Amino acid sequence: MEIQALQQSWSRYEEKLDEVLRINHQQATDIAQLKSHSLLGTMRPVKLFTLVAGVVWVLLLNTLLIAGFATFHPFFLVSMGIQSLFTTIAIFVYLYQLVLLQRTDFNKPIFAVQAKIARLQTSTLWVTRILFLQLPVWTTFYLNDTMIAQGSTGLWIFQIGVTFLFLVAALWLFVNIRIENKDKRWFRLLFQGKEWTPLMQAMSLLEEVDSLTREAQKS
């Protein structure tokens, strides 16, 4: 009888322990989701401001290009046209991200939220890569007929060298800005602040909860 009573007590203890662990796990999940929601919420104002600034910049550029199309030098028109194009692409990416942030439901399974955050990470990397492609045109928009006709050899060597360096930097960044390089120093210097750090923190929280869930299921 004593053995049977002991077994029953142990069984009830295991049931209570499982219940406590389940509650603790659910609480951990809820806290992680709330924190992730809060972290991603801090990104909206920055992205909205960047979106508005981008729209204003594109409108200004396009107005300038249209008004001066017949008088501006081709170097200026092409350089500013490229800037306008890449900034317009970035505007649509930011619109996509704002919609994605709005539609991220933290009450859904963790893997679904992780997928949304992964899309935000990928689009953030892509928009940064695209914007860096503008670097070379910042070294060409000011060229004109007078500079071309009267520029000295030294000036042209300097101009071509600077443009080449900016082109190489733009291509290098376009190729190397990838999630695989997130732990490298130059990457961390580029990606910090409200547009990137909350994404990494939210993903880390959800990965921890997902790991705990998998361990709980195995046990």
Foldseek 3Di string as FASTA:
>chain_A
DVVVVVVVVVVVVVVVVVVVVVVVLVVLLVVLLVLLLVLLVLLVVVLVVLLVVLVVLLVVLVVVCVVCVPPADPLQNVLSVLQSVLSVVLNVLSVVLNVLSVPQDSVDDLVSNLVSLVVLVVSVLQNVLSNLQSQLSVLGNPDDPCCVVPPDPVRVVVSVVNSVVSNVVSVVSNVPSDPVCCPPPVNVVVDDDSSHVSSVSSSVSSVVSVVVVVVVVVD
